Amino acid sequence: MLAATLFAQTGPIPSKKPPVAVAVAVPVALPVAGSPAQSVPVIRVGDVFEMRLSGMPQDLAAEFSVQYTVGQEGTVNVPLIGEVKVSGLTANQVEREVQSKLMAEKIFTKPTVVINIGGGVRFVSIGGGVRAPQRLQWSTDLTLRTAIENVGGLDDFGKKKGVRLIRDGKIIQKYDLRALEKDPSQDPKLMPGDQVYVPK
């Protein structure tokens, strides 16, 4: 009777409820819209690459299997189709461009083109009034003055004033070597494909 009375007065003893799991949002790193993918190297003026063709008789494919040097206009001369603009394109883009031209001009029906860029070696050209005009292998620390020094310096007719720096076929600046000697910080770094011309 006592237990029943207590039960009636207090009601049932509440049971302990198990803890409720609460979902917590965890931030997940998402790619940023428009973020660039891993950069793919592009072909530049002065680059050297090889081309290999298949899908046609071997003797015809051999005509294309030579080294191509990208000229100042950003083009190379490909057998049977002539000048092809390659500067600023990736190797895959050049492959598709050449394939399209070969098919559009009905030279081959199903050609396969493979481009191999030659080891990343790039050059600059030094000419005019220097002792040994030539192409030099480009490096990240190559400047206008050091490039001229590397070809033996000025010859007997070379002038220090008005040295032209040509990039992508355009004169971007004229320099006075005497001023650069006084202030080496103004000595410009060269880029692959640059041309330096010393007036006479």
Protein backbone atom coordinates (compact mmCIF):
# COMPACT_ATOMS: atom_id res chain seq x y z
CA MET A 1 0.00 0.00 0.00
CA LEU A 2 2.85 2.44 0.85
CA ALA A 3 4.57 1.80 -2.48
CA ALA A 4 1.32 2.30 -4.37
CA THR A 5 0.69 5.54 -2.47
CA LEU A 6 4.16 6.88 -3.29
CA PHE A 7 3.71 5.93 -6.94
CA ALA A 8 0.40 7.76 -7.08
CA GLN A 9 1.91 10.87 -5.49
CA THR A 10 5.14 11.09 -7.50
CA GLY A 11 4.23 9.34 -10.74
CA PRO A 12 6.53 7.00 -12.56
CA ILE A 13 10.28 7.54 -12.21
CA PRO A 14 11.56 8.88 -15.52
CA SER A 15 14.02 6.61 -17.28
CA LYS A 16 17.38 7.96 -18.51
CA LYS A 17 17.35 8.58 -22.25
CA PRO A 18 20.42 7.66 -24.28
CA PRO A 19 22.40 10.67 -25.60
CA VAL A 20 21.32 11.82 -29.03
CA ALA A 21 24.07 12.00 -31.62
CA VAL A 22 24.30 15.48 -33.11
CA ALA A 23 25.58 15.78 -36.66
CA VAL A 24 28.37 18.35 -36.90
CA ALA A 25 29.13 19.83 -40.30
CA VAL A 26 32.81 19.40 -41.11
CA PRO A 27 34.17 21.89 -43.63
CA VAL A 28 35.46 20.23 -46.79
CA ALA A 29 37.97 21.92 -49.07
CA LEU A 30 36.36 22.38 -52.45
CA PRO A 31 38.13 23.44 -55.64
CA VAL A 32 37.74 27.12 -56.30
CA ALA A 33 35.66 27.82 -59.37
CA GLY A 34 37.85 28.93 -62.23
CA SER A 35 41.10 27.99 -60.48
CA PRO A 36 43.75 27.01 -63.04
CA ALA A 37 44.66 23.39 -63.44
CA GLN A 38 48.26 22.25 -63.29
CA SER A 39 50.13 24.42 -65.79
CA VAL A 40 51.10 22.83 -69.07
CA PRO A 41 54.22 24.23 -70.76
CA VAL A 42 53.63 26.04 -74.02
CA ILE A 43 55.89 26.32 -77.03
CA ARG A 44 57.73 29.63 -77.38
CA VAL A 45 59.83 31.45 -79.93
CA GLY A 46 63.25 29.79 -80.10
CA ASP A 47 62.03 26.38 -78.93
CA VAL A 48 63.16 23.27 -80.77
CA PHE A 49 60.93 20.21 -81.13
CA GLU A 50 60.61 17.01 -83.13
CA MET A 51 57.56 15.79 -84.99
CA ARG A 52 56.64 12.17 -85.66
CA LEU A 53 53.84 11.08 -87.98
CA SER A 54 52.11 7.76 -88.45
CA GLY A 55 49.06 6.54 -90.34
CA MET A 56 50.67 6.85 -93.77
CA PRO A 57 53.49 5.11 -95.71
CA GLN A 58 56.77 5.27 -93.82
CA ASP A 59 58.63 7.08 -96.60
CA LEU A 60 56.06 9.90 -96.51
CA ALA A 61 56.12 10.08 -92.72
CA ALA A 62 59.92 10.42 -92.83
CA GLU A 63 59.59 13.81 -94.56
CA PHE A 64 58.12 15.22 -91.34
CA SER A 65 60.59 13.59 -88.93
CA VAL A 66 62.96 16.53 -88.54
CA GLN A 67 63.74 19.13 -85.89
CA TYR A 68 61.71 22.31 -86.02
CA THR A 69 62.87 25.62 -84.57
CA VAL A 70 60.16 28.17 -83.77
CA GLY A 71 60.97 31.40 -85.62
CA GLN A 72 60.51 34.97 -84.50
CA GLU A 73 57.01 35.00 -85.95
CA GLY A 74 56.08 32.03 -83.75
CA THR A 75 55.75 29.66 -86.70
CA VAL A 76 57.41 26.58 -88.18
CA ASN A 77 57.45 25.43 -91.79
CA VAL A 78 55.86 21.97 -92.05
CA PRO A 79 56.28 19.95 -95.26
CA LEU A 80 53.26 19.97 -97.60
CA ILE A 81 51.23 22.41 -95.49
CA GLY A 82 53.62 25.35 -95.03
CA GLU A 83 53.72 27.78 -92.12
CA VAL A 84 51.96 26.72 -88.91
CA LYS A 85 51.54 29.03 -85.92
CA VAL A 86 52.78 27.16 -82.82
CA SER A 87 53.95 29.83 -80.36
CA GLY A 88 51.73 29.94 -77.28
CA LEU A 89 50.31 26.46 -77.91
CA THR A 90 50.91 23.26 -75.99
CA ALA A 91 52.38 20.20 -77.73
CA ASN A 92 48.92 18.58 -77.80
CA GLN A 93 47.38 21.64 -79.42
CA VAL A 94 50.07 21.68 -82.12
CA GLU A 95 49.47 17.97 -82.76
CA ARG A 96 45.77 18.61 -83.32
CA GLU A 97 46.47 21.66 -85.49
CA VAL A 98 48.82 19.77 -87.82
CA GLN A 99 46.48 16.78 -88.00
CA SER A 100 43.57 19.07 -88.92
CA LYS A 101 45.54 20.79 -91.68
CA LEU A 102 46.74 17.51 -93.16
CA MET A 103 43.17 16.20 -93.31
CA ALA A 104 41.57 19.49 -94.43
CA GLU A 105 43.94 19.69 -97.40
CA LYS A 106 43.32 15.99 -98.15
CA ILE A 107 47.00 15.11 -97.83
CA PHE A 108 46.39 12.22 -95.44
CA THR A 109 43.12 10.75 -94.26
CA LYS A 110 43.90 9.65 -90.70
CA PRO A 111 47.30 10.99 -89.63
CA THR A 112 48.59 10.77 -86.07
CA VAL A 113 51.02 13.51 -85.02
CA VAL A 114 53.31 13.37 -81.98
CA ILE A 115 55.33 16.40 -80.84
CA ASN A 116 58.39 16.02 -78.60
CA ILE A 117 59.77 19.29 -77.24
CA GLY A 118 63.54 19.07 -77.12
CA GLY A 119 64.51 18.91 -73.49
CA GLY A 120 63.40 22.43 -72.64
CA VAL A 121 66.51 23.93 -74.26
CA ARG A 122 65.86 27.51 -75.39
CA PHE A 123 68.02 30.05 -77.12
CA VAL A 124 68.65 33.74 -77.69
CA SER A 125 70.34 35.22 -80.76
CA ILE A 126 73.16 37.77 -80.65
CA GLY A 127 74.09 39.54 -83.88
CA GLY A 128 75.35 42.70 -85.51
CA GLY A 129 78.62 44.27 -84.42
CA VAL A 130 79.87 41.46 -82.18
CA ARG A 131 82.91 39.23 -82.63
CA ALA A 132 81.07 35.90 -82.89
CA PRO A 133 77.38 36.29 -83.81
CA GLN A 134 75.52 33.16 -82.75
CA ARG A 135 72.68 31.59 -80.79
CA LEU A 136 73.27 31.18 -77.06
CA GLN A 137 71.53 28.75 -74.78
CA TRP A 138 69.14 30.72 -72.59
CA SER A 139 69.33 30.63 -68.80
CA THR A 140 67.34 32.46 -66.15
CA ASP A 141 70.26 34.75 -65.24
CA LEU A 142 71.26 35.68 -68.80
CA THR A 143 71.27 39.45 -69.30
CA LEU A 144 71.87 41.62 -72.34
CA ARG A 145 75.44 42.53 -71.32
CA THR A 146 76.45 39.00 -70.34
CA ALA A 147 75.07 37.67 -73.62
CA ILE A 148 77.22 40.13 -75.58
CA GLU A 149 80.24 39.22 -73.47
CA ASN A 150 79.60 35.51 -74.14
CA VAL A 151 80.00 36.06 -77.89
CA GLY A 152 83.32 37.86 -77.51
CA GLY A 153 82.04 41.39 -76.98
CA LEU A 154 81.81 44.12 -79.58
CA ASP A 155 83.91 43.91 -82.72
CA ASP A 156 85.87 46.84 -84.14
CA PHE A 157 82.72 48.34 -85.68
CA GLY A 158 80.17 47.63 -82.96
CA LYS A 159 78.55 50.62 -81.25
CA LYS A 160 77.64 50.69 -77.59
CA LYS A 161 74.71 53.03 -78.16
CA GLY A 162 71.40 51.90 -79.63
CA VAL A 163 71.70 48.16 -78.89
CA ARG A 164 68.33 46.70 -79.83
CA LEU A 165 66.45 44.11 -77.83
CA ILE A 166 63.94 42.34 -80.09
CA ARG A 167 61.17 40.16 -78.69
CA ASP A 168 58.43 38.44 -80.68
CA GLY A 169 59.63 40.27 -83.77
CA LYS A 170 59.35 43.75 -82.23
CA ILE A 171 61.98 46.13 -80.88
CA ILE A 172 60.98 46.54 -77.25
CA GLN A 173 63.89 48.73 -76.13
CA LYS A 174 67.19 50.28 -77.19
CA TYR A 175 70.06 50.32 -74.69
CA ASP A 176 73.31 52.17 -74.20
CA LEU A 177 75.91 49.69 -72.96
CA ARG A 178 77.82 52.49 -71.22
CA ALA A 179 74.79 53.25 -69.07
CA LEU A 180 74.40 49.56 -68.22
CA GLU A 181 78.07 49.38 -67.23
CA LYS A 182 77.56 52.25 -64.82
CA ASP A 183 74.32 50.80 -63.39
CA PRO A 184 74.22 47.00 -63.75
CA SER A 185 70.79 46.92 -62.09
CA GLN A 186 69.38 48.29 -65.37
CA ASP A 187 70.85 45.39 -67.37
CA PRO A 188 67.72 43.58 -68.64
CA LYS A 189 67.29 39.85 -68.31
CA LEU A 190 66.68 38.09 -71.61
CA MET A 191 63.79 35.79 -72.40
CA PRO A 192 63.82 32.67 -74.60
CA GLY A 193 63.72 33.63 -78.26
CA ASP A 194 65.04 37.16 -77.71
CA GLN A 195 67.31 38.76 -80.28
CA VAL A 196 70.04 41.25 -79.43
CA TYR A 197 71.38 43.37 -82.27
CA VAL A 198 74.44 45.60 -81.86
CA PRO A 199 74.54 48.41 -84.45
CA LYS A 200 77.64 49.11 -86.53
